[in-house]
């Protein structure tokens, strides 16, 4: 229960900020805010923060980083990776779980909106 309360506090503050922003824009509701900056490079590698249990099972970790808001720990940026490393340590300590940052390299396309595969 203690862990759930910590998580809820972080989640509530993020939702409150989104709702405040929506009200400033004249909207009544905002559950999701999407930011799509222009593409600036080819991404060949991404980093993903995952929890790992004693059976070796994984889950993607989400965290709140000041200036970025709440999001899954997935990035292609070396700068953001440095922030994730600090956050991974904090999450591991606070929740008593192992957190590993995996690096994934470009491989095979799973889905392409220009060429749907069934």
PDB file of N, CA and C in Angstrom:
ATOM      1  N   UNK A   1       0.828  -1.193   0.000  1.00  0.00           N
ATOM      2  CA  UNK A   1       0.000   0.000   0.000  1.00  0.00           C
ATOM      3  C   UNK A   1       0.870   1.253   0.000  1.00  0.00           C
ATOM      4  N   UNK A   2       1.959   1.223   0.737  1.00  0.00           N
ATOM      5  CA  UNK A   2       2.867   2.356   0.800  1.00  0.00           C
ATOM      6  C   UNK A   2       3.353   2.747  -0.600  1.00  0.00           C
ATOM      7  N   UNK A   3       3.722   1.766  -1.435  1.00  0.00           N
ATOM      8  CA  UNK A   3       4.201   2.033  -2.788  1.00  0.00           C
ATOM      9  C   UNK A   3       3.112   2.665  -3.646  1.00  0.00           C
ATOM     10  N   UNK A   4       1.875   2.188  -3.494  1.00  0.00           N
ATOM     11  CA  UNK A   4       0.774   2.713  -4.287  1.00  0.00           C
ATOM     12  C   UNK A   4       0.537   4.189  -3.985  1.00  0.00           C
ATOM     13  N   UNK A   5       0.674   4.573  -2.724  1.00  0.00           N
ATOM     14  CA  UNK A   5       0.459   5.964  -2.342  1.00  0.00           C
ATOM     15  C   UNK A   5       1.533   6.843  -2.966  1.00  0.00           C
ATOM     16  N   UNK A   6       2.775   6.417  -2.932  1.00  0.00           N
ATOM     17  CA  UNK A   6       3.850   7.191  -3.545  1.00  0.00           C
ATOM     18  C   UNK A   6       3.590   7.368  -5.034  1.00  0.00           C
ATOM     19  N   UNK A   7       3.178   6.300  -5.679  1.00  0.00           N
ATOM     20  CA  UNK A   7       2.906   6.354  -7.121  1.00  0.00           C
ATOM     21  C   UNK A   7       1.743   7.301  -7.393  1.00  0.00           C
ATOM     22  N   UNK A   8       0.690   7.197  -6.613  1.00  0.00           N
ATOM     23  CA  UNK A   8      -0.494   8.023  -6.829  1.00  0.00           C
ATOM     24  C   UNK A   8      -0.179   9.506  -6.662  1.00  0.00           C
ATOM     25  N   UNK A   9       0.662   9.844  -5.699  1.00  0.00           N
ATOM     26  CA  UNK A   9       1.016  11.245  -5.486  1.00  0.00           C
ATOM     27  C   UNK A   9       1.690  11.793  -6.741  1.00  0.00           C
ATOM     28  N   UNK A  10       2.655  11.062  -7.298  1.00  0.00           N
ATOM     29  CA  UNK A  10       3.323  11.502  -8.520  1.00  0.00           C
ATOM     30  C   UNK A  10       2.363  11.588  -9.685  1.00  0.00           C
ATOM     31  N   UNK A  11       1.499  10.602  -9.810  1.00  0.00           N
ATOM     32  CA  UNK A  11       0.534  10.575 -10.908  1.00  0.00           C
ATOM     33  C   UNK A  11      -0.439  11.733 -10.781  1.00  0.00           C
ATOM     34  N   UNK A  12      -0.954  11.960  -9.572  1.00  0.00           N
ATOM     35  CA  UNK A  12      -1.919  13.034  -9.369  1.00  0.00           C
ATOM     36  C   UNK A  12      -1.330  14.386  -9.735  1.00  0.00           C
ATOM     37  N   UNK A  13      -0.085  14.655  -9.362  1.00  0.00           N
ATOM     38  CA  UNK A  13       0.497  15.956  -9.672  1.00  0.00           C
ATOM     39  C   UNK A  13       0.659  16.133 -11.179  1.00  0.00           C
ATOM     40  N   UNK A  14       0.990  15.070 -11.894  1.00  0.00           N
ATOM     41  CA  UNK A  14       1.114  15.150 -13.347  1.00  0.00           C
ATOM     42  C   UNK A  14      -0.250  15.404 -13.979  1.00  0.00           C
ATOM     43  N   UNK A  15      -1.262  14.687 -13.549  1.00  0.00           N
ATOM     44  CA  UNK A  15      -2.614  14.876 -14.075  1.00  0.00           C
ATOM     45  C   UNK A  15      -3.098  16.280 -13.751  1.00  0.00           C
ATOM     46  N   UNK A  16      -2.817  16.760 -12.539  1.00  0.00           N
ATOM     47  CA  UNK A  16      -3.228  18.119 -12.170  1.00  0.00           C
ATOM     48  C   UNK A  16      -2.607  19.153 -13.103  1.00  0.00           C
ATOM     49  N   UNK A  17      -1.325  18.978 -13.446  1.00  0.00           N
ATOM     50  CA  UNK A  17      -0.669  19.910 -14.358  1.00  0.00           C
ATOM     51  C   UNK A  17      -1.317  19.863 -15.742  1.00  0.00           C
ATOM     52  N   UNK A  18      -1.644  18.662 -16.218  1.00  0.00           N
ATOM     53  CA  UNK A  18      -2.294  18.531 -17.524  1.00  0.00           C
ATOM     54  C   UNK A  18      -3.670  19.187 -17.518  1.00  0.00           C
ATOM     55  N   UNK A  19      -4.418  18.981 -16.443  1.00  0.00           N
ATOM     56  CA  UNK A  19      -5.752  19.576 -16.353  1.00  0.00           C
ATOM     57  C   UNK A  19      -5.657  21.099 -16.279  1.00  0.00           C
ATOM     58  N   UNK A  20      -4.691  21.625 -15.534  1.00  0.00           N
ATOM     59  CA  UNK A  20      -4.492  23.069 -15.443  1.00  0.00           C
ATOM     60  C   UNK A  20      -4.183  23.650 -16.828  1.00  0.00           C
ATOM     61  N   UNK A  21      -3.303  22.975 -17.569  1.00  0.00           N
ATOM     62  CA  UNK A  21      -2.957  23.409 -18.918  1.00  0.00           C
ATOM     63  C   UNK A  21      -4.192  23.402 -19.815  1.00  0.00           C
ATOM     64  N   UNK A  22      -5.010  22.374 -19.710  1.00  0.00           N
ATOM     65  CA  UNK A  22      -6.234  22.283 -20.518  1.00  0.00           C
ATOM     66  C   UNK A  22      -7.166  23.438 -20.206  1.00  0.00           C
ATOM     67  N   UNK A  23      -7.335  23.749 -18.917  1.00  0.00           N
ATOM     68  CA  UNK A  23      -8.207  24.864 -18.534  1.00  0.00           C
ATOM     69  C   UNK A  23      -7.680  26.184 -19.093  1.00  0.00           C
ATOM     70  N   UNK A  24      -6.363  26.364 -19.066  1.00  0.00           N
ATOM     71  CA  UNK A  24      -5.762  27.582 -19.624  1.00  0.00           C
ATOM     72  C   UNK A  24      -6.036  27.698 -21.115  1.00  0.00           C
ATOM     73  N   UNK A  25      -6.163  26.565 -21.784  1.00  0.00           N
ATOM     74  CA  UNK A  25      -6.433  26.542 -23.225  1.00  0.00           C
ATOM     75  C   UNK A  25      -7.926  26.581 -23.536  1.00  0.00           C
ATOM     76  N   UNK A  26      -8.758  26.668 -22.483  1.00  0.00           N
ATOM     77  CA  UNK A  26     -10.198  26.746 -22.683  1.00  0.00           C
ATOM     78  C   UNK A  26     -10.871  25.393 -22.849  1.00  0.00           C
ATOM     79  N   UNK A  27     -10.165  24.311 -22.537  1.00  0.00           N
ATOM     80  CA  UNK A  27     -10.753  22.967 -22.638  1.00  0.00           C
ATOM     81  C   UNK A  27     -11.162  22.504 -21.244  1.00  0.00           C
ATOM     82  N   UNK A  28     -12.168  21.639 -21.199  1.00  0.00           N
ATOM     83  CA  UNK A  28     -12.628  21.126 -19.910  1.00  0.00           C
ATOM     84  C   UNK A  28     -11.831  19.911 -19.461  1.00  0.00           C
ATOM     85  N   UNK A  29     -11.344  19.101 -20.403  1.00  0.00           N
ATOM     86  CA  UNK A  29     -10.680  17.859 -20.033  1.00  0.00           C
ATOM     87  C   UNK A  29      -9.393  17.681 -20.826  1.00  0.00           C
ATOM     88  N   UNK A  30      -8.442  17.001 -20.206  1.00  0.00           N
ATOM     89  CA  UNK A  30      -7.201  16.642 -20.891  1.00  0.00           C
ATOM     90  C   UNK A  30      -6.589  15.458 -20.166  1.00  0.00           C
ATOM     91  N   UNK A  31      -6.737  14.283 -20.715  1.00  0.00           N
ATOM     92  CA  UNK A  31      -6.153  13.105 -20.088  1.00  0.00           C
ATOM     93  C   UNK A  31      -4.800  12.772 -20.702  1.00  0.00           C
ATOM     94  N   UNK A  32      -4.591  13.198 -21.931  1.00  0.00           N
ATOM     95  CA  UNK A  32      -3.334  12.896 -22.611  1.00  0.00           C
ATOM     96  C   UNK A  32      -2.866  14.147 -23.333  1.00  0.00           C
ATOM     97  N   UNK A  33      -1.597  14.428 -23.213  1.00  0.00           N
ATOM     98  CA  UNK A  33      -1.008  15.529 -23.960  1.00  0.00           C
ATOM     99  C   UNK A  33       0.049  14.929 -24.870  1.00  0.00           C
ATOM    100  N   UNK A  34      -0.013  15.224 -26.151  1.00  0.00           N
ATOM    101  CA  UNK A  34       0.922  14.640 -27.105  1.00  0.00           C
ATOM    102  C   UNK A  34       1.838  15.731 -27.631  1.00  0.00           C
ATOM    103  N   UNK A  35       3.115  15.449 -27.617  1.00  0.00           N
ATOM    104  CA  UNK A  35       4.111  16.381 -28.136  1.00  0.00           C
ATOM    105  C   UNK A  35       4.832  15.664 -29.262  1.00  0.00           C
ATOM    106  N   UNK A  36       4.782  16.219 -30.462  1.00  0.00           N
ATOM    107  CA  UNK A  36       5.425  15.593 -31.624  1.00  0.00           C
ATOM    108  C   UNK A  36       6.396  16.608 -32.210  1.00  0.00           C
ATOM    109  N   UNK A  37       7.625  16.672 -31.676  1.00  0.00           N
ATOM    110  CA  UNK A  37       8.601  17.604 -32.243  1.00  0.00           C
ATOM    111  C   UNK A  37       9.037  17.130 -33.623  1.00  0.00           C
ATOM    112  N   UNK A  38       9.663  18.008 -34.409  1.00  0.00           N
ATOM    113  CA  UNK A  38      10.129  17.577 -35.730  1.00  0.00           C
ATOM    114  C   UNK A  38      11.235  16.527 -35.591  1.00  0.00           C
ATOM    115  N   UNK A  39      11.256  15.586 -36.509  1.00  0.00           N
ATOM    116  CA  UNK A  39      12.318  14.580 -36.509  1.00  0.00           C
ATOM    117  C   UNK A  39      13.632  15.267 -36.853  1.00  0.00           C
ATOM    118  N   UNK A  40      14.694  14.910 -36.124  1.00  0.00           N
ATOM    119  CA  UNK A  40      15.979  15.582 -36.329  1.00  0.00           C
ATOM    120  C   UNK A  40      17.116  14.634 -36.677  1.00  0.00           C
ATOM    121  N   UNK A  41      16.883  13.314 -36.567  1.00  0.00           N
ATOM    122  CA  UNK A  41      17.949  12.370 -36.874  1.00  0.00           C
ATOM    123  C   UNK A  41      17.362  10.978 -37.081  1.00  0.00           C
ATOM    124  N   UNK A  42      18.182  10.086 -37.606  1.00  0.00           N
ATOM    125  CA  UNK A  42      17.810   8.676 -37.712  1.00  0.00           C
ATOM    126  C   UNK A  42      18.098   8.049 -36.350  1.00  0.00           C
ATOM    127  N   UNK A  43      17.130   7.359 -35.805  1.00  0.00           N
ATOM    128  CA  UNK A  43      17.325   6.704 -34.505  1.00  0.00           C
ATOM    129  C   UNK A  43      17.669   5.249 -34.746  1.00  0.00           C
ATOM    130  N   UNK A  44      18.871   4.871 -34.359  1.00  0.00           N
ATOM    131  CA  UNK A  44      19.313   3.490 -34.500  1.00  0.00           C
ATOM    132  C   UNK A  44      19.296   2.737 -33.177  1.00  0.00           C
ATOM    133  N   UNK A  45      19.269   3.483 -32.060  1.00  0.00           N
ATOM    134  CA  UNK A  45      19.320   2.867 -30.741  1.00  0.00           C
ATOM    135  C   UNK A  45      18.338   3.558 -29.810  1.00  0.00           C
ATOM    136  N   UNK A  46      17.603   2.762 -29.030  1.00  0.00           N
ATOM    137  CA  UNK A  46      16.771   3.323 -27.968  1.00  0.00           C
ATOM    138  C   UNK A  46      17.154   2.647 -26.659  1.00  0.00           C
ATOM    139  N   UNK A  47      16.881   3.338 -25.568  1.00  0.00           N
ATOM    140  CA  UNK A  47      17.142   2.828 -24.223  1.00  0.00           C
ATOM    141  C   UNK A  47      15.810   2.730 -23.501  1.00  0.00           C
ATOM    142  N   UNK A  48      15.609   1.625 -22.793  1.00  0.00           N
ATOM    143  CA  UNK A  48      14.347   1.377 -22.098  1.00  0.00           C
ATOM    144  C   UNK A  48      14.636   0.945 -20.672  1.00  0.00           C
ATOM    145  N   UNK A  49      14.048   1.658 -19.709  1.00  0.00           N
ATOM    146  CA  UNK A  49      14.174   1.279 -18.301  1.00  0.00           C
ATOM    147  C   UNK A  49      13.128   0.236 -17.963  1.00  0.00           C
ATOM    148  N   UNK A  50      13.597  -0.913 -17.453  1.00  0.00           N
ATOM    149  CA  UNK A  50      12.676  -2.000 -17.105  1.00  0.00           C
ATOM    150  C   UNK A  50      12.963  -2.516 -15.709  1.00  0.00           C
ATOM    151  N   UNK A  51      11.888  -2.841 -15.001  1.00  0.00           N
ATOM    152  CA  UNK A  51      12.058  -3.547 -13.742  1.00  0.00           C
ATOM    153  C   UNK A  51      12.293  -5.013 -14.082  1.00  0.00           C
ATOM    154  N   UNK A  52      12.948  -5.707 -13.179  1.00  0.00           N
ATOM    155  CA  UNK A  52      13.213  -7.132 -13.410  1.00  0.00           C
ATOM    156  C   UNK A  52      12.992  -7.870 -12.099  1.00  0.00           C
ATOM    157  N   UNK A  53      12.104  -8.864 -12.114  1.00  0.00           N
ATOM    158  CA  UNK A  53      11.833  -9.604 -10.886  1.00  0.00           C
ATOM    159  C   UNK A  53      12.732 -10.832 -10.764  1.00  0.00           C
ATOM    160  N   UNK A  54      12.563 -11.585  -9.682  1.00  0.00           N
ATOM    161  CA  UNK A  54      13.427 -12.745  -9.412  1.00  0.00           C
ATOM    162  C   UNK A  54      13.290 -13.843 -10.453  1.00  0.00           C
ATOM    163  N   UNK A  55      12.185 -13.846 -11.237  1.00  0.00           N
ATOM    164  CA  UNK A  55      11.994 -14.841 -12.300  1.00  0.00           C
ATOM    165  C   UNK A  55      12.559 -14.379 -13.636  1.00  0.00           C
ATOM    166  N   UNK A  56      13.085 -13.130 -13.658  1.00  0.00           N
ATOM    167  CA  UNK A  56      13.621 -12.583 -14.894  1.00  0.00           C
ATOM    168  C   UNK A  56      12.572 -11.895 -15.754  1.00  0.00           C
ATOM    169  N   UNK A  57      11.342 -11.761 -15.223  1.00  0.00           N
ATOM    170  CA  UNK A  57      10.282 -11.080 -15.965  1.00  0.00           C
ATOM    171  C   UNK A  57      10.487  -9.572 -15.876  1.00  0.00           C
ATOM    172  N   UNK A  58      10.087  -8.882 -16.945  1.00  0.00           N
ATOM    173  CA  UNK A  58      10.294  -7.441 -17.022  1.00  0.00           C
ATOM    174  C   UNK A  58       8.988  -6.674 -17.120  1.00  0.00           C
ATOM    175  N   UNK A  59       9.057  -5.418 -16.728  1.00  0.00           N
ATOM    176  CA  UNK A  59       7.983  -4.453 -16.935  1.00  0.00           C
ATOM    177  C   UNK A  59       8.629  -3.119 -17.253  1.00  0.00           C
ATOM    178  N   UNK A  60       8.027  -2.338 -18.127  1.00  0.00           N
ATOM    179  CA  UNK A  60       8.577  -1.029 -18.469  1.00  0.00           C
ATOM    180  C   UNK A  60       8.291  -0.072 -17.316  1.00  0.00           C
ATOM    181  N   UNK A  61       9.320   0.639 -16.879  1.00  0.00           N
ATOM    182  CA  UNK A  61       9.209   1.572 -15.765  1.00  0.00           C
ATOM    183  C   UNK A  61       8.784   2.941 -16.299  1.00  0.00           C
ATOM    184  N   UNK A  62       7.847   3.568 -15.612  1.00  0.00           N
ATOM    185  CA  UNK A  62       7.475   4.948 -15.905  1.00  0.00           C
ATOM    186  C   UNK A  62       7.885   5.782 -14.698  1.00  0.00           C
ATOM    187  N   UNK A  63       8.275   7.012 -14.951  1.00  0.00           N
ATOM    188  CA  UNK A  63       8.700   7.889 -13.876  1.00  0.00           C
ATOM    189  C   UNK A  63       8.351   9.326 -14.223  1.00  0.00           C
ATOM    190  N   UNK A  64       8.481  10.203 -13.258  1.00  0.00           N
ATOM    191  CA  UNK A  64       8.262  11.628 -13.475  1.00  0.00           C
ATOM    192  C   UNK A  64       9.608  12.317 -13.371  1.00  0.00           C
ATOM    193  N   UNK A  65       9.981  13.034 -14.423  1.00  0.00           N
ATOM    194  CA  UNK A  65      11.231  13.790 -14.436  1.00  0.00           C
ATOM    195  C   UNK A  65      10.872  15.260 -14.607  1.00  0.00           C
ATOM    196  N   UNK A  66      11.378  16.091 -13.707  1.00  0.00           N
ATOM    197  CA  UNK A  66      11.074  17.516 -13.760  1.00  0.00           C
ATOM    198  C   UNK A  66      11.416  18.086 -15.134  1.00  0.00           C
ATOM    199  N   UNK A  67      10.508  18.826 -15.686  1.00  0.00           N
ATOM    200  CA  UNK A  67      10.706  19.416 -17.006  1.00  0.00           C
ATOM    201  C   UNK A  67      10.227  18.531 -18.141  1.00  0.00           C
ATOM    202  N   UNK A  68      10.031  17.223 -17.861  1.00  0.00           N
ATOM    203  CA  UNK A  68       9.567  16.300 -18.890  1.00  0.00           C
ATOM    204  C   UNK A  68       8.177  15.772 -18.570  1.00  0.00           C
ATOM    205  N   UNK A  69       7.818  15.693 -17.315  1.00  0.00           N
ATOM    206  CA  UNK A  69       6.543  15.126 -16.901  1.00  0.00           C
ATOM    207  C   UNK A  69       6.655  13.629 -16.701  1.00  0.00           C
ATOM    208  N   UNK A  70       5.525  12.948 -16.644  1.00  0.00           N
ATOM    209  CA  UNK A  70       5.510  11.514 -16.435  1.00  0.00           C
ATOM    210  C   UNK A  70       5.478  10.779 -17.753  1.00  0.00           C
ATOM    211  N   UNK A  71       6.313   9.760 -17.861  1.00  0.00           N
ATOM    212  CA  UNK A  71       6.384   9.007 -19.109  1.00  0.00           C
ATOM    213  C   UNK A  71       7.134   7.707 -18.881  1.00  0.00           C
ATOM    214  N   UNK A  72       6.941   6.738 -19.779  1.00  0.00           N
ATOM    215  CA  UNK A  72       7.745   5.515 -19.711  1.00  0.00           C
ATOM    216  C   UNK A  72       9.218   5.868 -19.914  1.00  0.00           C
ATOM    217  N   UNK A  73      10.084   5.108 -19.321  1.00  0.00           N
ATOM    218  CA  UNK A  73      11.526   5.330 -19.461  1.00  0.00           C
ATOM    219  C   UNK A  73      12.001   4.755 -20.790  1.00  0.00           C
ATOM    220  N   UNK A  74      11.732   5.489 -21.868  1.00  0.00           N
ATOM    221  CA  UNK A  74      12.152   5.103 -23.220  1.00  0.00           C
ATOM    222  C   UNK A  74      12.731   6.346 -23.875  1.00  0.00           C
ATOM    223  N   UNK A  75      13.963   6.261 -24.370  1.00  0.00           N
ATOM    224  CA  UNK A  75      14.583   7.415 -25.007  1.00  0.00           C
ATOM    225  C   UNK A  75      15.627   6.994 -26.032  1.00  0.00           C
ATOM    226  N   UNK A  76      15.926   7.907 -26.937  1.00  0.00           N
ATOM    227  CA  UNK A  76      17.040   7.736 -27.865  1.00  0.00           C
ATOM    228  C   UNK A  76      18.104   8.793 -27.576  1.00  0.00           C
ATOM    229  N   UNK A  77      17.847   9.652 -26.589  1.00  0.00           N
ATOM    230  CA  UNK A  77      18.727  10.769 -26.263  1.00  0.00           C
ATOM    231  C   UNK A  77      19.722  10.395 -25.166  1.00  0.00           C
ATOM    232  N   UNK A  78      20.989  10.677 -25.407  1.00  0.00           N
ATOM    233  CA  UNK A  78      22.029  10.424 -24.396  1.00  0.00           C
ATOM    234  C   UNK A  78      21.811  11.319 -23.173  1.00  0.00           C
ATOM    235  N   UNK A  79      21.321  12.543 -23.392  1.00  0.00           N
ATOM    236  CA  UNK A  79      21.061  13.458 -22.268  1.00  0.00           C
ATOM    237  C   UNK A  79      19.960  12.912 -21.368  1.00  0.00           C
ATOM    238  N   UNK A  80      18.883  12.446 -21.989  1.00  0.00           N
ATOM    239  CA  UNK A  80      17.773  11.893 -21.212  1.00  0.00           C
ATOM    240  C   UNK A  80      18.201  10.579 -20.554  1.00  0.00           C
ATOM    241  N   UNK A  81      19.037   9.802 -21.220  1.00  0.00           N
ATOM    242  CA  UNK A  81      19.554   8.567 -20.645  1.00  0.00           C
ATOM    243  C   UNK A  81      20.239   8.839 -19.315  1.00  0.00           C
ATOM    244  N   UNK A  82      21.006   9.920 -19.239  1.00  0.00           N
ATOM    245  CA  UNK A  82      21.682  10.271 -17.983  1.00  0.00           C
ATOM    246  C   UNK A  82      20.657  10.527 -16.875  1.00  0.00           C
ATOM    247  N   UNK A  83      19.544  11.201 -17.207  1.00  0.00           N
ATOM    248  CA  UNK A  83      18.483  11.421 -16.225  1.00  0.00           C
ATOM    249  C   UNK A  83      17.841  10.099 -15.819  1.00  0.00           C
ATOM    250  N   UNK A  84      17.629   9.223 -16.805  1.00  0.00           N
ATOM    251  CA  UNK A  84      17.024   7.916 -16.517  1.00  0.00           C
ATOM    252  C   UNK A  84      17.874   7.097 -15.558  1.00  0.00           C
ATOM    253  N   UNK A  85      19.192   7.182 -15.682  1.00  0.00           N
ATOM    254  CA  UNK A  85      20.061   6.405 -14.788  1.00  0.00           C
ATOM    255  C   UNK A  85      19.834   6.833 -13.340  1.00  0.00           C
ATOM    256  N   UNK A  86      19.745   8.134 -13.110  1.00  0.00           N
ATOM    257  CA  UNK A  86      19.478   8.627 -11.756  1.00  0.00           C
ATOM    258  C   UNK A  86      18.089   8.188 -11.292  1.00  0.00           C
ATOM    259  N   UNK A  87      17.103   8.267 -12.186  1.00  0.00           N
ATOM    260  CA  UNK A  87      15.745   7.855 -11.843  1.00  0.00           C
ATOM    261  C   UNK A  87      15.667   6.350 -11.581  1.00  0.00           C
ATOM    262  N   UNK A  88      16.401   5.566 -12.351  1.00  0.00           N
ATOM    263  CA  UNK A  88      16.395   4.105 -12.160  1.00  0.00           C
ATOM    264  C   UNK A  88      16.874   3.759 -10.765  1.00  0.00           C
ATOM    265  N   UNK A  89      17.925   4.422 -10.318  1.00  0.00           N
ATOM    266  CA  UNK A  89      18.446   4.174  -8.966  1.00  0.00           C
ATOM    267  C   UNK A  89      17.415   4.540  -7.912  1.00  0.00           C
ATOM    268  N   UNK A  90      16.744   5.666  -8.100  1.00  0.00           N
ATOM    269  CA  UNK A  90      15.731   6.102  -7.153  1.00  0.00           C
ATOM    270  C   UNK A  90      14.552   5.130  -7.110  1.00  0.00           C
ATOM    271  N   UNK A  91      14.082   4.711  -8.280  1.00  0.00           N
ATOM    272  CA  UNK A  91      12.955   3.776  -8.343  1.00  0.00           C
ATOM    273  C   UNK A  91      13.333   2.450  -7.680  1.00  0.00           C
ATOM    274  N   UNK A  92      14.527   1.956  -7.968  1.00  0.00           N
ATOM    275  CA  UNK A  92      14.979   0.689  -7.378  1.00  0.00           C
ATOM    276  C   UNK A  92      15.012   0.779  -5.858  1.00  0.00           C
ATOM    277  N   UNK A  93      15.531   1.878  -5.352  1.00  0.00           N
ATOM    278  CA  UNK A  93      15.630   2.059  -3.901  1.00  0.00           C
ATOM    279  C   UNK A  93      14.252   2.222  -3.262  1.00  0.00           C
ATOM    280  N   UNK A  94      13.415   3.065  -3.853  1.00  0.00           N
ATOM    281  CA  UNK A  94      12.092   3.342  -3.285  1.00  0.00           C
ATOM    282  C   UNK A  94      11.155   2.144  -3.312  1.00  0.00           C
ATOM    283  N   UNK A  95      11.225   1.340  -4.376  1.00  0.00           N
ATOM    284  CA  UNK A  95      10.275   0.249  -4.534  1.00  0.00           C
ATOM    285  C   UNK A  95      10.886  -1.124  -4.292  1.00  0.00           C
ATOM    286  N   UNK A  96      12.192  -1.155  -3.972  1.00  0.00           N
ATOM    287  CA  UNK A  96      12.830  -2.428  -3.660  1.00  0.00           C
ATOM    288  C   UNK A  96      12.858  -3.400  -4.821  1.00  0.00           C
ATOM    289  N   UNK A  97      13.079  -2.894  -6.015  1.00  0.00           N
ATOM    290  CA  UNK A  97      13.124  -3.750  -7.189  1.00  0.00           C
ATOM    291  C   UNK A  97      14.373  -3.446  -7.996  1.00  0.00           C
ATOM    292  N   UNK A  98      14.789  -4.373  -8.792  1.00  0.00           N
ATOM    293  CA  UNK A  98      15.924  -4.156  -9.685  1.00  0.00           C
ATOM    294  C   UNK A  98      15.421  -3.419 -10.917  1.00  0.00           C
ATOM    295  N   UNK A  99      16.147  -2.381 -11.336  1.00  0.00           N
ATOM    296  CA  UNK A  99      15.815  -1.654 -12.551  1.00  0.00           C
ATOM    297  C   UNK A  99      17.024  -1.718 -13.471  1.00  0.00           C
ATOM    298  N   UNK A 100      16.785  -2.145 -14.700  1.00  0.00           N
ATOM    299  CA  UNK A 100      17.845  -2.303 -15.694  1.00  0.00           C
ATOM    300  C   UNK A 100      17.497  -1.418 -16.888  1.00  0.00           C
ATOM    301  N   UNK A 101      18.497  -0.725 -17.430  1.00  0.00           N
ATOM    302  CA  UNK A 101      18.272   0.044 -18.650  1.00  0.00           C
ATOM    303  C   UNK A 101      18.855  -0.764 -19.798  1.00  0.00           C
ATOM    304  N   UNK A 102      17.974  -1.198 -20.691  1.00  0.00           N
ATOM    305  CA  UNK A 102      18.379  -2.002 -21.845  1.00  0.00           C
ATOM    306  C   UNK A 102      18.586  -1.096 -23.052  1.00  0.00           C
ATOM    307  N   UNK A 103      19.528  -1.467 -23.883  1.00  0.00           N
ATOM    308  CA  UNK A 103      19.769  -0.760 -25.146  1.00  0.00           C
ATOM    309  C   UNK A 103      19.278  -1.668 -26.262  1.00  0.00           C
ATOM    310  N   UNK A 104      18.431  -1.131 -27.122  1.00  0.00           N
ATOM    311  CA  UNK A 104      17.920  -1.872 -28.262  1.00  0.00           C
ATOM    312  C   UNK A 104      18.407  -1.203 -29.539  1.00  0.00           C
ATOM    313  N   UNK A 105      18.888  -2.000 -30.471  1.00  0.00           N
ATOM    314  CA  UNK A 105      19.369  -1.488 -31.755  1.00  0.00           C
ATOM    315  C   UNK A 105      18.337  -1.792 -32.835  1.00  0.00           C
ATOM    316  N   UNK A 106      18.368  -0.966 -33.872  1.00  0.00           N
ATOM    317  CA  UNK A 106      17.438  -1.151 -34.996  1.00  0.00           C
ATOM    318  C   UNK A 106      17.585  -2.557 -35.554  1.00  0.00           C
ATOM    319  N   UNK A 107      16.475  -3.179 -35.842  1.00  0.00           N
ATOM    320  CA  UNK A 107      16.508  -4.541 -36.368  1.00  0.00           C
ATOM    321  C   UNK A 107      15.517  -4.658 -37.518  1.00  0.00           C
ATOM    322  N   UNK A 108      14.379  -5.230 -37.256  1.00  0.00           N
ATOM    323  CA  UNK A 108      13.377  -5.492 -38.283  1.00  0.00           C
ATOM    324  C   UNK A 108      12.137  -4.651 -38.015  1.00  0.00           C
ATOM    325  N   UNK A 109      11.502  -4.167 -39.065  1.00  0.00           N
ATOM    326  CA  UNK A 109      10.267  -3.394 -38.909  1.00  0.00           C
ATOM    327  C   UNK A 109       9.136  -4.347 -38.553  1.00  0.00           C
ATOM    328  N   UNK A 110       8.454  -4.044 -37.462  1.00  0.00           N
ATOM    329  CA  UNK A 110       7.322  -4.850 -37.023  1.00  0.00           C
ATOM    330  C   UNK A 110       6.029  -4.371 -37.677  1.00  0.00           C
ATOM    331  N   UNK A 111       5.889  -3.073 -37.834  1.00  0.00           N
ATOM    332  CA  UNK A 111       4.658  -2.514 -38.403  1.00  0.00           C
ATOM    333  C   UNK A 111       5.004  -1.203 -39.093  1.00  0.00           C
ATOM    334  N   UNK A 112       4.461  -0.985 -40.251  1.00  0.00           N
ATOM    335  CA  UNK A 112       4.686   0.233 -41.028  1.00  0.00           C
ATOM    336  C   UNK A 112       3.327   0.730 -41.491  1.00  0.00           C
ATOM    337  N   UNK A 113       2.959   1.955 -41.133  1.00  0.00           N
ATOM    338  CA  UNK A 113       1.627   2.462 -41.489  1.00  0.00           C
ATOM    339  C   UNK A 113       1.453   2.592 -42.989  1.00  0.00           C
ATOM    340  N   UNK A 114       2.555   2.668 -43.753  1.00  0.00           N
ATOM    341  CA  UNK A 114       2.448   2.728 -45.202  1.00  0.00           C
ATOM    342  C   UNK A 114       2.287   1.345 -45.823  1.00  0.00           C
ATOM    343  N   UNK A 115       2.663   0.306 -45.065  1.00  0.00           N
ATOM    344  CA  UNK A 115       2.567  -1.065 -45.567  1.00  0.00           C
ATOM    345  C   UNK A 115       2.040  -1.999 -44.464  1.00  0.00           C
ATOM    346  N   UNK A 116       0.764  -1.885 -44.139  1.00  0.00           N
ATOM    347  CA  UNK A 116       0.202  -2.749 -43.086  1.00  0.00           C
ATOM    348  C   UNK A 116       0.396  -4.228 -43.400  1.00  0.00           C
ATOM    349  N   UNK A 117       0.684  -4.984 -42.333  1.00  0.00           N
ATOM    350  CA  UNK A 117       0.922  -6.425 -42.472  1.00  0.00           C
ATOM    351  C   UNK A 117      -0.149  -7.204 -41.731  1.00  0.00           C
ATOM    352  N   UNK A 118      -1.298  -7.271 -42.243  1.00  0.00           N
ATOM    353  CA  UNK A 118      -2.349  -8.086 -41.656  1.00  0.00           C
ATOM    354  C   UNK A 118      -2.650  -7.871 -40.290  1.00  0.00           C
TER     355      UNK A 118
END
